[in-house]
Amino acid sequence: MAVLKTVLVIVYAIICIALTIVVLMQEGKSAGLTGSISGMADTYWGKNKGRSMEGAMEKSTRILAILFIVLSVVLNLNLNW
């Protein structure tokens, strides 16, 4: 059982690193003042440009966060490893 715990801890560390990288790679949701001051209008093509990549990043963030929470609970159970 000690081998299983070691494997889970390694997977947990990989998930932590991946979650950090995915969150840092995402863009902010608001354009801020620069978009409104300079008069940049969002067109249909401007809004949807790269949407598939952004959607994939959001989905992977959700999946990694769920795995992070589940593994946190599993590793903190008081089992006889």
N, C-alpha and C. Protein backbone atom coordinates (compact mmCIF):
# COMPACT_ATOMS: atom_id res chain seq x y z
N MET A 1 0.81 -1.20 0.00
CA MET A 1 0.00 0.00 0.00
C MET A 1 0.85 1.26 0.00
N ALA A 2 2.08 1.16 0.46
CA ALA A 2 2.96 2.32 0.46
C ALA A 2 3.29 2.75 -0.96
N VAL A 3 3.35 1.77 -1.87
CA VAL A 3 3.63 2.09 -3.27
C VAL A 3 2.47 2.90 -3.85
N LEU A 4 1.24 2.51 -3.51
CA LEU A 4 0.06 3.23 -4.00
C LEU A 4 0.06 4.68 -3.52
N LYS A 5 0.40 4.88 -2.26
CA LYS A 5 0.44 6.25 -1.73
C LYS A 5 1.53 7.07 -2.42
N THR A 6 2.66 6.45 -2.70
CA THR A 6 3.74 7.15 -3.39
C THR A 6 3.31 7.55 -4.80
N VAL A 7 2.65 6.63 -5.49
CA VAL A 7 2.16 6.93 -6.84
C VAL A 7 1.13 8.06 -6.79
N LEU A 8 0.22 8.03 -5.82
CA LEU A 8 -0.79 9.08 -5.70
C LEU A 8 -0.15 10.43 -5.40
N VAL A 9 0.88 10.45 -4.58
CA VAL A 9 1.56 11.71 -4.26
C VAL A 9 2.26 12.27 -5.51
N ILE A 10 2.85 11.39 -6.32
CA ILE A 10 3.50 11.84 -7.55
C ILE A 10 2.46 12.39 -8.53
N VAL A 11 1.33 11.69 -8.68
CA VAL A 11 0.26 12.17 -9.55
C VAL A 11 -0.29 13.50 -9.03
N TYR A 12 -0.41 13.62 -7.72
CA TYR A 12 -0.89 14.86 -7.09
C TYR A 12 0.05 16.02 -7.40
N ALA A 13 1.34 15.80 -7.33
CA ALA A 13 2.31 16.85 -7.63
C ALA A 13 2.24 17.26 -9.10
N ILE A 14 2.06 16.29 -9.99
CA ILE A 14 1.94 16.60 -11.41
C ILE A 14 0.68 17.41 -11.68
N ILE A 15 -0.43 17.06 -11.01
CA ILE A 15 -1.68 17.81 -11.17
C ILE A 15 -1.52 19.23 -10.64
N CYS A 16 -0.83 19.39 -9.52
CA CYS A 16 -0.60 20.74 -8.97
C CYS A 16 0.17 21.61 -9.95
N ILE A 17 1.22 21.07 -10.54
CA ILE A 17 2.03 21.83 -11.49
C ILE A 17 1.22 22.15 -12.74
N ALA A 18 0.48 21.16 -13.26
CA ALA A 18 -0.32 21.37 -14.46
C ALA A 18 -1.42 22.40 -14.23
N LEU A 19 -2.06 22.36 -13.07
CA LEU A 19 -3.11 23.32 -12.75
C LEU A 19 -2.54 24.73 -12.68
N THR A 20 -1.38 24.88 -12.09
CA THR A 20 -0.75 26.19 -12.01
C THR A 20 -0.42 26.73 -13.40
N ILE A 21 0.11 25.88 -14.25
CA ILE A 21 0.48 26.31 -15.61
C ILE A 21 -0.76 26.69 -16.42
N VAL A 22 -1.81 25.88 -16.33
CA VAL A 22 -3.02 26.16 -17.10
C VAL A 22 -3.68 27.46 -16.64
N VAL A 23 -3.71 27.70 -15.35
CA VAL A 23 -4.32 28.94 -14.85
C VAL A 23 -3.50 30.16 -15.28
N LEU A 24 -2.20 30.05 -15.24
CA LEU A 24 -1.36 31.19 -15.63
C LEU A 24 -1.40 31.45 -17.14
N MET A 25 -1.71 30.45 -17.93
CA MET A 25 -1.76 30.63 -19.38
C MET A 25 -3.05 31.30 -19.85
N GLN A 26 -4.08 31.32 -19.01
CA GLN A 26 -5.36 31.88 -19.42
C GLN A 26 -5.30 33.40 -19.45
N GLU A 27 -6.10 33.98 -20.36
CA GLU A 27 -6.19 35.42 -20.46
C GLU A 27 -7.27 35.94 -19.51
N GLY A 28 -7.18 37.23 -19.19
CA GLY A 28 -8.19 37.86 -18.35
C GLY A 28 -9.51 38.00 -19.09
N LYS A 29 -10.58 38.12 -18.35
CA LYS A 29 -11.90 38.21 -18.96
C LYS A 29 -12.25 39.63 -19.39
N SER A 30 -11.70 40.64 -18.75
CA SER A 30 -12.08 42.02 -19.07
C SER A 30 -10.97 42.70 -19.87
N ALA A 31 -11.37 43.58 -20.75
CA ALA A 31 -10.42 44.31 -21.57
C ALA A 31 -9.80 45.47 -20.80
N GLY A 32 -10.44 45.88 -19.73
CA GLY A 32 -9.92 46.98 -18.94
C GLY A 32 -10.25 48.32 -19.58
N LEU A 33 -9.57 49.36 -19.15
CA LEU A 33 -9.83 50.70 -19.66
C LEU A 33 -9.24 50.93 -21.04
N THR A 34 -8.20 50.22 -21.39
CA THR A 34 -7.54 50.49 -22.67
C THR A 34 -8.45 50.20 -23.85
N GLY A 35 -9.27 49.18 -23.77
CA GLY A 35 -10.18 48.87 -24.88
C GLY A 35 -11.27 49.90 -25.04
N SER A 36 -11.78 50.42 -23.94
CA SER A 36 -12.87 51.39 -24.03
C SER A 36 -12.36 52.80 -24.35
N ILE A 37 -11.19 53.14 -23.90
CA ILE A 37 -10.66 54.47 -24.17
C ILE A 37 -10.23 54.62 -25.62
N SER A 38 -9.56 53.61 -26.15
CA SER A 38 -9.06 53.72 -27.52
C SER A 38 -10.16 53.50 -28.55
N GLY A 39 -11.34 53.12 -28.14
CA GLY A 39 -12.46 52.97 -29.06
C GLY A 39 -12.44 51.68 -29.83
N MET A 40 -11.77 50.68 -29.32
CA MET A 40 -11.72 49.40 -30.01
C MET A 40 -13.07 48.70 -29.88
N ALA A 41 -13.70 48.45 -31.00
CA ALA A 41 -14.99 47.77 -30.99
C ALA A 41 -14.77 46.28 -31.18
N ASP A 42 -15.46 45.49 -30.38
CA ASP A 42 -15.37 44.04 -30.53
C ASP A 42 -16.31 43.59 -31.62
N THR A 43 -15.76 43.05 -32.66
CA THR A 43 -16.57 42.49 -33.73
C THR A 43 -16.81 41.02 -33.44
N TYR A 44 -17.61 40.40 -34.28
CA TYR A 44 -17.87 38.97 -34.12
C TYR A 44 -16.58 38.18 -34.22
N TRP A 45 -15.75 38.51 -35.17
CA TRP A 45 -14.51 37.77 -35.37
C TRP A 45 -13.52 38.06 -34.25
N GLY A 46 -13.54 39.26 -33.72
CA GLY A 46 -12.63 39.60 -32.63
C GLY A 46 -12.99 38.88 -31.34
N LYS A 47 -14.27 38.73 -31.10
CA LYS A 47 -14.72 38.04 -29.87
C LYS A 47 -14.44 36.55 -29.93
N ASN A 48 -14.65 35.94 -31.08
CA ASN A 48 -14.56 34.49 -31.20
C ASN A 48 -13.20 34.00 -31.66
N LYS A 49 -12.27 34.89 -31.83
CA LYS A 49 -10.95 34.48 -32.28
C LYS A 49 -10.26 33.68 -31.17
N GLY A 50 -9.90 32.46 -31.48
CA GLY A 50 -9.24 31.61 -30.49
C GLY A 50 -10.16 31.07 -29.42
N ARG A 51 -11.44 31.07 -29.68
CA ARG A 51 -12.40 30.62 -28.66
C ARG A 51 -12.21 29.15 -28.32
N SER A 52 -11.84 28.36 -29.29
CA SER A 52 -11.70 26.93 -29.01
C SER A 52 -10.55 26.68 -28.04
N MET A 53 -9.47 27.44 -28.16
CA MET A 53 -8.34 27.29 -27.24
C MET A 53 -8.72 27.76 -25.84
N GLU A 54 -9.44 28.86 -25.75
CA GLU A 54 -9.88 29.37 -24.46
C GLU A 54 -10.84 28.39 -23.79
N GLY A 55 -11.74 27.83 -24.58
CA GLY A 55 -12.69 26.86 -24.05
C GLY A 55 -11.99 25.61 -23.53
N ALA A 56 -10.98 25.18 -24.27
CA ALA A 56 -10.22 23.99 -23.84
C ALA A 56 -9.46 24.29 -22.55
N MET A 57 -8.94 25.50 -22.42
CA MET A 57 -8.22 25.87 -21.20
C MET A 57 -9.17 25.88 -19.99
N GLU A 58 -10.36 26.43 -20.19
CA GLU A 58 -11.34 26.46 -19.10
C GLU A 58 -11.76 25.05 -18.70
N LYS A 59 -11.98 24.20 -19.68
CA LYS A 59 -12.39 22.83 -19.39
C LYS A 59 -11.29 22.07 -18.67
N SER A 60 -10.05 22.24 -19.12
CA SER A 60 -8.94 21.56 -18.45
C SER A 60 -8.73 22.10 -17.04
N THR A 61 -8.99 23.37 -16.82
CA THR A 61 -8.89 23.93 -15.47
C THR A 61 -9.90 23.27 -14.54
N ARG A 62 -11.13 23.12 -15.03
CA ARG A 62 -12.17 22.47 -14.21
C ARG A 62 -11.80 21.03 -13.88
N ILE A 63 -11.34 20.29 -14.87
CA ILE A 63 -11.00 18.88 -14.65
C ILE A 63 -9.84 18.75 -13.68
N LEU A 64 -8.79 19.56 -13.87
CA LEU A 64 -7.64 19.50 -12.98
C LEU A 64 -8.01 19.92 -11.56
N ALA A 65 -8.90 20.91 -11.42
CA ALA A 65 -9.31 21.34 -10.09
C ALA A 65 -10.09 20.24 -9.37
N ILE A 66 -10.95 19.54 -10.10
CA ILE A 66 -11.71 18.44 -9.49
C ILE A 66 -10.77 17.32 -9.07
N LEU A 67 -9.82 16.97 -9.94
CA LEU A 67 -8.84 15.94 -9.59
C LEU A 67 -7.99 16.36 -8.39
N PHE A 68 -7.64 17.62 -8.33
CA PHE A 68 -6.87 18.16 -7.21
C PHE A 68 -7.62 17.99 -5.89
N ILE A 69 -8.90 18.33 -5.89
CA ILE A 69 -9.70 18.24 -4.67
C ILE A 69 -9.90 16.78 -4.26
N VAL A 70 -10.21 15.93 -5.24
CA VAL A 70 -10.44 14.52 -4.93
C VAL A 70 -9.17 13.87 -4.38
N LEU A 71 -8.04 14.12 -5.01
CA LEU A 71 -6.80 13.54 -4.51
C LEU A 71 -6.40 14.11 -3.16
N SER A 72 -6.72 15.38 -2.91
CA SER A 72 -6.44 15.97 -1.60
C SER A 72 -7.21 15.23 -0.51
N VAL A 73 -8.47 14.94 -0.78
CA VAL A 73 -9.29 14.22 0.19
C VAL A 73 -8.79 12.79 0.38
N VAL A 74 -8.48 12.11 -0.73
CA VAL A 74 -8.02 10.72 -0.66
C VAL A 74 -6.70 10.63 0.11
N LEU A 75 -5.78 11.53 -0.17
CA LEU A 75 -4.48 11.47 0.50
C LEU A 75 -4.56 11.83 1.98
N ASN A 76 -5.61 12.56 2.37
CA ASN A 76 -5.73 12.94 3.77
C ASN A 76 -6.65 12.02 4.57
N LEU A 77 -7.17 10.97 3.94
CA LEU A 77 -7.93 9.99 4.69
C LEU A 77 -7.01 9.26 5.64
N ASN A 78 -7.53 8.86 6.74
CA ASN A 78 -6.73 8.19 7.75
C ASN A 78 -6.75 6.68 7.50
N LEU A 79 -6.09 6.25 6.43
CA LEU A 79 -6.04 4.85 6.07
C LEU A 79 -4.71 4.26 6.48
N ASN A 80 -4.67 2.96 6.57
CA ASN A 80 -3.42 2.29 6.90
C ASN A 80 -2.63 2.05 5.62
N TRP A 81 -1.88 3.04 5.19
CA TRP A 81 -1.10 2.93 3.98
C TRP A 81 0.07 2.08 4.29
